[in-house]
Amino acid sequence: KRPLGIPTMYDRAMQSLYALALEPIAEATGDK
């Protein structure tokens, strides 16, 4: 069995919120 860490819904939403701001940078500078 492998361990899995489950965040709270609030933490997941905060991760999604900051992912929206980080994705444009990752896509613009990432390996094509």
PDB file of all heavy atoms in Angstrom:
ATOM      1  N   LYS A   1       0.851  -1.194   0.000  1.00  0.00           N
ATOM      2  CA  LYS A   1       0.000   0.000   0.000  1.00  0.00           C
ATOM      3  C   LYS A   1       0.882   1.239   0.000  1.00  0.00           C
ATOM      4  O   LYS A   1       1.963   1.233   0.570  1.00  0.00           O
ATOM      5  CB  LYS A   1      -0.915   0.005   1.225  1.00  0.00           C
ATOM      6  CG  LYS A   1      -2.002  -1.056   1.160  1.00  0.00           C
ATOM      7  CD  LYS A   1      -3.017  -0.872   2.265  1.00  0.00           C
ATOM      8  CE  LYS A   1      -4.170  -1.870   2.128  1.00  0.00           C
ATOM      9  NZ  LYS A   1      -5.201  -1.643   3.130  1.00  0.00           N
ATOM     10  N   ARG A   2       0.403   2.268  -0.678  1.00  0.00           N
ATOM     11  CA  ARG A   2       1.181   3.504  -0.690  1.00  0.00           C
ATOM     12  C   ARG A   2       0.457   4.583   0.110  1.00  0.00           C
ATOM     13  O   ARG A   2      -0.772   4.665   0.097  1.00  0.00           O
ATOM     14  CB  ARG A   2       1.489   3.969  -2.102  1.00  0.00           C
ATOM     15  CG  ARG A   2       0.315   4.443  -2.922  1.00  0.00           C
ATOM     16  CD  ARG A   2       0.795   4.876  -4.299  1.00  0.00           C
ATOM     17  NE  ARG A   2      -0.309   5.328  -5.144  1.00  0.00           N
ATOM     18  CZ  ARG A   2      -0.694   6.599  -5.247  1.00  0.00           C
ATOM     19  NH1 ARG A   2      -0.101   7.536  -4.531  1.00  0.00           N
ATOM     20  NH2 ARG A   2      -1.681   6.927  -6.048  1.00  0.00           N
ATOM     21  N   PRO A   3       1.242   5.430   0.804  1.00  0.00           N
ATOM     22  CA  PRO A   3       0.618   6.482   1.616  1.00  0.00           C
ATOM     23  C   PRO A   3       0.103   7.630   0.749  1.00  0.00           C
ATOM     24  O   PRO A   3       0.699   7.967  -0.265  1.00  0.00           O
ATOM     25  CB  PRO A   3       1.769   6.959   2.511  1.00  0.00           C
ATOM     26  CG  PRO A   3       3.004   6.655   1.738  1.00  0.00           C
ATOM     27  CD  PRO A   3       2.707   5.446   0.916  1.00  0.00           C
ATOM     28  N   LEU A   4      -1.015   8.178   1.165  1.00  0.00           N
ATOM     29  CA  LEU A   4      -1.608   9.307   0.457  1.00  0.00           C
ATOM     30  C   LEU A   4      -1.995  10.371   1.478  1.00  0.00           C
ATOM     31  O   LEU A   4      -2.635  10.067   2.486  1.00  0.00           O
ATOM     32  CB  LEU A   4      -2.842   8.819  -0.307  1.00  0.00           C
ATOM     33  CG  LEU A   4      -3.427   9.748  -1.371  1.00  0.00           C
ATOM     34  CD1 LEU A   4      -2.482   9.878  -2.558  1.00  0.00           C
ATOM     35  CD2 LEU A   4      -4.769   9.227  -1.843  1.00  0.00           C
ATOM     36  N   GLY A   5      -1.584  11.603   1.217  1.00  0.00           N
ATOM     37  CA  GLY A   5      -1.925  12.714   2.109  1.00  0.00           C
ATOM     38  C   GLY A   5      -3.099  13.494   1.539  1.00  0.00           C
ATOM     39  O   GLY A   5      -3.032  13.981   0.419  1.00  0.00           O
ATOM     40  N   ILE A   6      -4.183  13.589   2.285  1.00  0.00           N
ATOM     41  CA  ILE A   6      -5.381  14.290   1.795  1.00  0.00           C
ATOM     42  C   ILE A   6      -5.525  15.647   2.488  1.00  0.00           C
ATOM     43  O   ILE A   6      -5.723  15.717   3.704  1.00  0.00           O
ATOM     44  CB  ILE A   6      -6.651  13.443   2.032  1.00  0.00           C
ATOM     45  CG1 ILE A   6      -6.520  12.101   1.302  1.00  0.00           C
ATOM     46  CG2 ILE A   6      -7.893  14.182   1.567  1.00  0.00           C
ATOM     47  CD1 ILE A   6      -7.581  11.095   1.642  1.00  0.00           C
ATOM     48  N   PRO A   7      -5.429  16.744   1.710  1.00  0.00           N
ATOM     49  CA  PRO A   7      -5.603  18.077   2.302  1.00  0.00           C
ATOM     50  C   PRO A   7      -7.083  18.360   2.564  1.00  0.00           C
ATOM     51  O   PRO A   7      -7.952  17.673   2.029  1.00  0.00           O
ATOM     52  CB  PRO A   7      -5.068  19.029   1.226  1.00  0.00           C
ATOM     53  CG  PRO A   7      -4.562  18.173   0.104  1.00  0.00           C
ATOM     54  CD  PRO A   7      -5.163  16.819   0.272  1.00  0.00           C
ATOM     55  N   THR A   8      -7.347  19.381   3.341  1.00  0.00           N
ATOM     56  CA  THR A   8      -8.731  19.817   3.554  1.00  0.00           C
ATOM     57  C   THR A   8      -9.236  20.474   2.271  1.00  0.00           C
ATOM     58  O   THR A   8      -8.445  20.840   1.396  1.00  0.00           O
ATOM     59  CB  THR A   8      -8.822  20.847   4.700  1.00  0.00           C
ATOM     60  OG1 THR A   8      -8.064  22.004   4.326  1.00  0.00           O
ATOM     61  CG2 THR A   8      -8.300  20.286   6.006  1.00  0.00           C
ATOM     62  N   MET A   9     -10.541  20.625   2.148  1.00  0.00           N
ATOM     63  CA  MET A   9     -11.128  21.270   0.968  1.00  0.00           C
ATOM     64  C   MET A   9     -10.603  22.706   0.824  1.00  0.00           C
ATOM     65  O   MET A   9     -10.309  23.160  -0.274  1.00  0.00           O
ATOM     66  CB  MET A   9     -12.657  21.284   1.069  1.00  0.00           C
ATOM     67  CG  MET A   9     -13.303  19.917   1.037  1.00  0.00           C
ATOM     68  SD  MET A   9     -13.044  19.010  -0.499  1.00  0.00           S
ATOM     69  CE  MET A   9     -14.232  19.787  -1.576  1.00  0.00           C
ATOM     70  N   TYR A  10     -10.465  23.389   1.958  1.00  0.00           N
ATOM     71  CA  TYR A  10      -9.984  24.784   1.929  1.00  0.00           C
ATOM     72  C   TYR A  10      -8.575  24.845   1.369  1.00  0.00           C
ATOM     73  O   TYR A  10      -8.251  25.691   0.527  1.00  0.00           O
ATOM     74  CB  TYR A  10     -10.026  25.385   3.341  1.00  0.00           C
ATOM     75  CG  TYR A  10      -9.858  26.889   3.367  1.00  0.00           C
ATOM     76  CD1 TYR A  10     -10.967  27.726   3.330  1.00  0.00           C
ATOM     77  CD2 TYR A  10      -8.595  27.480   3.418  1.00  0.00           C
ATOM     78  CE1 TYR A  10     -10.818  29.104   3.349  1.00  0.00           C
ATOM     79  CE2 TYR A  10      -8.442  28.857   3.430  1.00  0.00           C
ATOM     80  CZ  TYR A  10      -9.561  29.664   3.393  1.00  0.00           C
ATOM     81  OH  TYR A  10      -9.412  31.037   3.393  1.00  0.00           O
ATOM     82  N   ASP A  11      -7.711  23.923   1.830  1.00  0.00           N
ATOM     83  CA  ASP A  11      -6.331  23.885   1.347  1.00  0.00           C
ATOM     84  C   ASP A  11      -6.269  23.532  -0.135  1.00  0.00           C
ATOM     85  O   ASP A  11      -5.457  24.080  -0.881  1.00  0.00           O
ATOM     86  CB  ASP A  11      -5.499  22.888   2.163  1.00  0.00           C
ATOM     87  CG  ASP A  11      -5.243  23.376   3.583  1.00  0.00           C
ATOM     88  OD1 ASP A  11      -5.300  24.596   3.795  1.00  0.00           O
ATOM     89  OD2 ASP A  11      -4.976  22.544   4.468  1.00  0.00           O
ATOM     90  N   ARG A  12      -7.152  22.630  -0.566  1.00  0.00           N
ATOM     91  CA  ARG A  12      -7.200  22.266  -1.990  1.00  0.00           C
ATOM     92  C   ARG A  12      -7.619  23.473  -2.837  1.00  0.00           C
ATOM     93  O   ARG A  12      -7.089  23.691  -3.927  1.00  0.00           O
ATOM     94  CB  ARG A  12      -8.187  21.112  -2.216  1.00  0.00           C
ATOM     95  CG  ARG A  12      -7.609  19.745  -1.866  1.00  0.00           C
ATOM     96  CD  ARG A  12      -8.639  18.652  -2.111  1.00  0.00           C
ATOM     97  NE  ARG A  12      -9.103  18.081  -0.858  1.00  0.00           N
ATOM     98  CZ  ARG A  12     -10.010  17.139  -0.752  1.00  0.00           C
ATOM     99  NH1 ARG A  12     -10.585  16.645  -1.826  1.00  0.00           N
ATOM    100  NH2 ARG A  12     -10.364  16.672   0.422  1.00  0.00           N
ATOM    101  N   ALA A  13      -8.579  24.237  -2.330  1.00  0.00           N
ATOM    102  CA  ALA A  13      -9.042  25.429  -3.051  1.00  0.00           C
ATOM    103  C   ALA A  13      -7.928  26.475  -3.124  1.00  0.00           C
ATOM    104  O   ALA A  13      -7.739  27.115  -4.166  1.00  0.00           O
ATOM    105  CB  ALA A  13     -10.278  26.013  -2.368  1.00  0.00           C
ATOM    106  N   MET A  14      -7.184  26.634  -2.030  1.00  0.00           N
ATOM    107  CA  MET A  14      -6.067  27.586  -2.024  1.00  0.00           C
ATOM    108  C   MET A  14      -4.981  27.149  -3.005  1.00  0.00           C
ATOM    109  O   MET A  14      -4.389  27.973  -3.712  1.00  0.00           O
ATOM    110  CB  MET A  14      -5.484  27.715  -0.609  1.00  0.00           C
ATOM    111  CG  MET A  14      -6.350  28.484   0.361  1.00  0.00           C
ATOM    112  SD  MET A  14      -6.618  30.221  -0.104  1.00  0.00           S
ATOM    113  CE  MET A  14      -5.065  30.959   0.377  1.00  0.00           C
ATOM    114  N   GLN A  15      -4.727  25.850  -3.077  1.00  0.00           N
ATOM    115  CA  GLN A  15      -3.747  25.324  -4.043  1.00  0.00           C
ATOM    116  C   GLN A  15      -4.212  25.621  -5.471  1.00  0.00           C
ATOM    117  O   GLN A  15      -3.411  26.044  -6.319  1.00  0.00           O
ATOM    118  CB  GLN A  15      -3.581  23.814  -3.849  1.00  0.00           C
ATOM    119  CG  GLN A  15      -2.812  23.432  -2.598  1.00  0.00           C
ATOM    120  CD  GLN A  15      -2.899  21.935  -2.296  1.00  0.00           C
ATOM    121  OE1 GLN A  15      -3.335  21.141  -3.133  1.00  0.00           O
ATOM    122  NE2 GLN A  15      -2.492  21.552  -1.105  1.00  0.00           N
ATOM    123  N   SER A  16      -5.491  25.414  -5.729  1.00  0.00           N
ATOM    124  CA  SER A  16      -6.052  25.680  -7.062  1.00  0.00           C
ATOM    125  C   SER A  16      -5.958  27.158  -7.417  1.00  0.00           C
ATOM    126  O   SER A  16      -5.662  27.516  -8.557  1.00  0.00           O
ATOM    127  CB  SER A  16      -7.524  25.253  -7.125  1.00  0.00           C
ATOM    128  OG  SER A  16      -7.637  23.870  -6.917  1.00  0.00           O
ATOM    129  N   LEU A  17      -6.215  28.008  -6.424  1.00  0.00           N
ATOM    130  CA  LEU A  17      -6.166  29.457  -6.634  1.00  0.00           C
ATOM    131  C   LEU A  17      -4.764  29.906  -7.043  1.00  0.00           C
ATOM    132  O   LEU A  17      -4.594  30.652  -8.011  1.00  0.00           O
ATOM    133  CB  LEU A  17      -6.603  30.180  -5.348  1.00  0.00           C
ATOM    134  CG  LEU A  17      -6.619  31.709  -5.382  1.00  0.00           C
ATOM    135  CD1 LEU A  17      -7.603  32.224  -6.422  1.00  0.00           C
ATOM    136  CD2 LEU A  17      -6.970  32.274  -4.003  1.00  0.00           C
ATOM    137  N   TYR A  18      -3.757  29.409  -6.322  1.00  0.00           N
ATOM    138  CA  TYR A  18      -2.385  29.817  -6.636  1.00  0.00           C
ATOM    139  C   TYR A  18      -1.851  29.103  -7.877  1.00  0.00           C
ATOM    140  O   TYR A  18      -0.970  29.641  -8.567  1.00  0.00           O
ATOM    141  CB  TYR A  18      -1.478  29.635  -5.413  1.00  0.00           C
ATOM    142  CG  TYR A  18      -1.650  30.797  -4.471  1.00  0.00           C
ATOM    143  CD1 TYR A  18      -2.688  30.821  -3.544  1.00  0.00           C
ATOM    144  CD2 TYR A  18      -0.848  31.919  -4.564  1.00  0.00           C
ATOM    145  CE1 TYR A  18      -2.907  31.913  -2.724  1.00  0.00           C
ATOM    146  CE2 TYR A  18      -1.046  33.025  -3.753  1.00  0.00           C
ATOM    147  CZ  TYR A  18      -2.076  33.012  -2.826  1.00  0.00           C
ATOM    148  OH  TYR A  18      -2.286  34.118  -2.036  1.00  0.00           O
ATOM    149  N   ALA A  19      -2.409  27.942  -8.197  1.00  0.00           N
ATOM    150  CA  ALA A  19      -2.038  27.254  -9.439  1.00  0.00           C
ATOM    151  C   ALA A  19      -2.465  28.095 -10.647  1.00  0.00           C
ATOM    152  O   ALA A  19      -1.764  28.145 -11.657  1.00  0.00           O
ATOM    153  CB  ALA A  19      -2.690  25.881  -9.494  1.00  0.00           C
ATOM    154  N   LEU A  20      -3.623  28.769 -10.535  1.00  0.00           N
ATOM    155  CA  LEU A  20      -4.097  29.632 -11.623  1.00  0.00           C
ATOM    156  C   LEU A  20      -3.099  30.744 -11.930  1.00  0.00           C
ATOM    157  O   LEU A  20      -2.938  31.162 -13.076  1.00  0.00           O
ATOM    158  CB  LEU A  20      -5.457  30.257 -11.254  1.00  0.00           C
ATOM    159  CG  LEU A  20      -6.664  29.327 -11.206  1.00  0.00           C
ATOM    160  CD1 LEU A  20      -7.876  30.046 -10.618  1.00  0.00           C
ATOM    161  CD2 LEU A  20      -7.002  28.788 -12.595  1.00  0.00           C
ATOM    162  N   ALA A  21      -2.403  31.214 -10.886  1.00  0.00           N
ATOM    163  CA  ALA A  21      -1.419  32.292 -11.057  1.00  0.00           C
ATOM    164  C   ALA A  21      -0.049  31.768 -11.489  1.00  0.00           C
ATOM    165  O   ALA A  21       0.726  32.488 -12.113  1.00  0.00           O
ATOM    166  CB  ALA A  21      -1.282  33.078  -9.748  1.00  0.00           C
ATOM    167  N   LEU A  22       0.253  30.505 -11.156  1.00  0.00           N
ATOM    168  CA  LEU A  22       1.561  29.931 -11.489  1.00  0.00           C
ATOM    169  C   LEU A  22       1.593  29.241 -12.855  1.00  0.00           C
ATOM    170  O   LEU A  22       2.643  29.183 -13.500  1.00  0.00           O
ATOM    171  CB  LEU A  22       1.976  28.932 -10.403  1.00  0.00           C
ATOM    172  CG  LEU A  22       2.305  29.530  -9.035  1.00  0.00           C
ATOM    173  CD1 LEU A  22       2.421  28.429  -7.988  1.00  0.00           C
ATOM    174  CD2 LEU A  22       3.589  30.344  -9.079  1.00  0.00           C
ATOM    175  N   GLU A  23       0.441  28.729 -13.293  1.00  0.00           N
ATOM    176  CA  GLU A  23       0.373  28.001 -14.577  1.00  0.00           C
ATOM    177  C   GLU A  23       0.871  28.816 -15.776  1.00  0.00           C
ATOM    178  O   GLU A  23       1.628  28.282 -16.593  1.00  0.00           O
ATOM    179  CB  GLU A  23      -1.062  27.534 -14.841  1.00  0.00           C
ATOM    180  CG  GLU A  23      -1.362  26.173 -14.237  1.00  0.00           C
ATOM    181  CD  GLU A  23      -2.848  25.827 -14.300  1.00  0.00           C
ATOM    182  OE1 GLU A  23      -3.621  26.576 -14.944  1.00  0.00           O
ATOM    183  OE2 GLU A  23      -3.231  24.822 -13.703  1.00  0.00           O
ATOM    184  N   PRO A  24       0.488  30.105 -15.906  1.00  0.00           N
ATOM    185  CA  PRO A  24       0.968  30.868 -17.061  1.00  0.00           C
ATOM    186  C   PRO A  24       2.496  30.948 -17.122  1.00  0.00           C
ATOM    187  O   PRO A  24       3.078  30.913 -18.204  1.00  0.00           O
ATOM    188  CB  PRO A  24       0.355  32.258 -16.846  1.00  0.00           C
ATOM    189  CG  PRO A  24      -0.828  32.026 -15.974  1.00  0.00           C
ATOM    190  CD  PRO A  24      -0.446  30.896 -15.085  1.00  0.00           C
ATOM    191  N   ILE A  25       3.153  31.030 -15.955  1.00  0.00           N
ATOM    192  CA  ILE A  25       4.620  31.095 -15.920  1.00  0.00           C
ATOM    193  C   ILE A  25       5.203  29.740 -16.306  1.00  0.00           C
ATOM    194  O   ILE A  25       6.136  29.649 -17.110  1.00  0.00           O
ATOM    195  CB  ILE A  25       5.129  31.510 -14.516  1.00  0.00           C
ATOM    196  CG1 ILE A  25       4.602  32.903 -14.167  1.00  0.00           C
ATOM    197  CG2 ILE A  25       6.656  31.493 -14.467  1.00  0.00           C
ATOM    198  CD1 ILE A  25       4.921  33.338 -12.759  1.00  0.00           C
ATOM    199  N   ALA A  26       4.639  28.675 -15.719  1.00  0.00           N
ATOM    200  CA  ALA A  26       5.129  27.320 -16.002  1.00  0.00           C
ATOM    201  C   ALA A  26       4.993  26.992 -17.486  1.00  0.00           C
ATOM    202  O   ALA A  26       5.905  26.412 -18.091  1.00  0.00           O
ATOM    203  CB  ALA A  26       4.359  26.309 -15.162  1.00  0.00           C
ATOM    204  N   GLU A  27       3.865  27.380 -18.080  1.00  0.00           N
ATOM    205  CA  GLU A  27       3.639  27.074 -19.489  1.00  0.00           C
ATOM    206  C   GLU A  27       4.519  27.920 -20.412  1.00  0.00           C
ATOM    207  O   GLU A  27       4.965  27.458 -21.453  1.00  0.00           O
ATOM    208  CB  GLU A  27       2.159  27.277 -19.850  1.00  0.00           C
ATOM    209  CG  GLU A  27       1.231  26.239 -19.247  1.00  0.00           C
ATOM    210  CD  GLU A  27       1.540  24.813 -19.674  1.00  0.00           C
ATOM    211  OE1 GLU A  27       1.922  24.592 -20.842  1.00  0.00           O
ATOM    212  OE2 GLU A  27       1.429  23.915 -18.820  1.00  0.00           O
ATOM    213  N   ALA A  28       4.783  29.158 -19.999  1.00  0.00           N
ATOM    214  CA  ALA A  28       5.592  30.059 -20.841  1.00  0.00           C
ATOM    215  C   ALA A  28       7.081  29.718 -20.775  1.00  0.00           C
ATOM    216  O   ALA A  28       7.813  29.951 -21.732  1.00  0.00           O
ATOM    217  CB  ALA A  28       5.371  31.503 -20.412  1.00  0.00           C
ATOM    218  N   THR A  29       7.522  29.176 -19.647  1.00  0.00           N
ATOM    219  CA  THR A  29       8.957  28.907 -19.470  1.00  0.00           C
ATOM    220  C   THR A  29       9.299  27.416 -19.495  1.00  0.00           C
ATOM    221  O   THR A  29      10.471  27.056 -19.476  1.00  0.00           O
ATOM    222  CB  THR A  29       9.456  29.501 -18.131  1.00  0.00           C
ATOM    223  OG1 THR A  29       8.709  28.916 -17.047  1.00  0.00           O
ATOM    224  CG2 THR A  29       9.292  31.012 -18.090  1.00  0.00           C
ATOM    225  N   GLY A  30       8.293  26.548 -19.503  1.00  0.00           N
ATOM    226  CA  GLY A  30       8.508  25.104 -19.426  1.00  0.00           C
ATOM    227  C   GLY A  30       9.052  24.492 -20.712  1.00  0.00           C
ATOM    228  O   GLY A  30       9.051  25.119 -21.775  1.00  0.00           O
ATOM    229  N   ASP A  31       9.522  23.270 -20.596  1.00  0.00           N
ATOM    230  CA  ASP A  31      10.065  22.508 -21.724  1.00  0.00           C
ATOM    231  C   ASP A  31       8.961  22.229 -22.747  1.00  0.00           C
ATOM    232  O   ASP A  31       7.923  21.664 -22.420  1.00  0.00           O
ATOM    233  CB  ASP A  31      10.645  21.189 -21.190  1.00  0.00           C
ATOM    234  CG  ASP A  31      11.321  20.353 -22.267  1.00  0.00           C
ATOM    235  OD1 ASP A  31      11.277  20.755 -23.449  1.00  0.00           O
ATOM    236  OD2 ASP A  31      11.879  19.303 -21.927  1.00  0.00           O
ATOM    237  N   LYS A  32       9.203  22.620 -23.999  1.00  0.00           N
ATOM    238  CA  LYS A  32       8.187  22.448 -25.047  1.00  0.00           C
ATOM    239  C   LYS A  32       7.971  20.984 -25.419  1.00  0.00           C
ATOM    240  O   LYS A  32       6.963  20.641 -26.033  1.00  0.00           O
ATOM    241  CB  LYS A  32       8.583  23.252 -26.283  1.00  0.00           C
ATOM    242  CG  LYS A  32       8.457  24.756 -26.061  1.00  0.00           C
ATOM    243  CD  LYS A  32       8.874  25.537 -27.281  1.00  0.00           C
ATOM    244  CE  LYS A  32       8.766  27.042 -27.006  1.00  0.00           C
ATOM    245  NZ  LYS A  32       9.223  27.846 -28.158  1.00  0.00           N
TER     246      LYS A  32
END
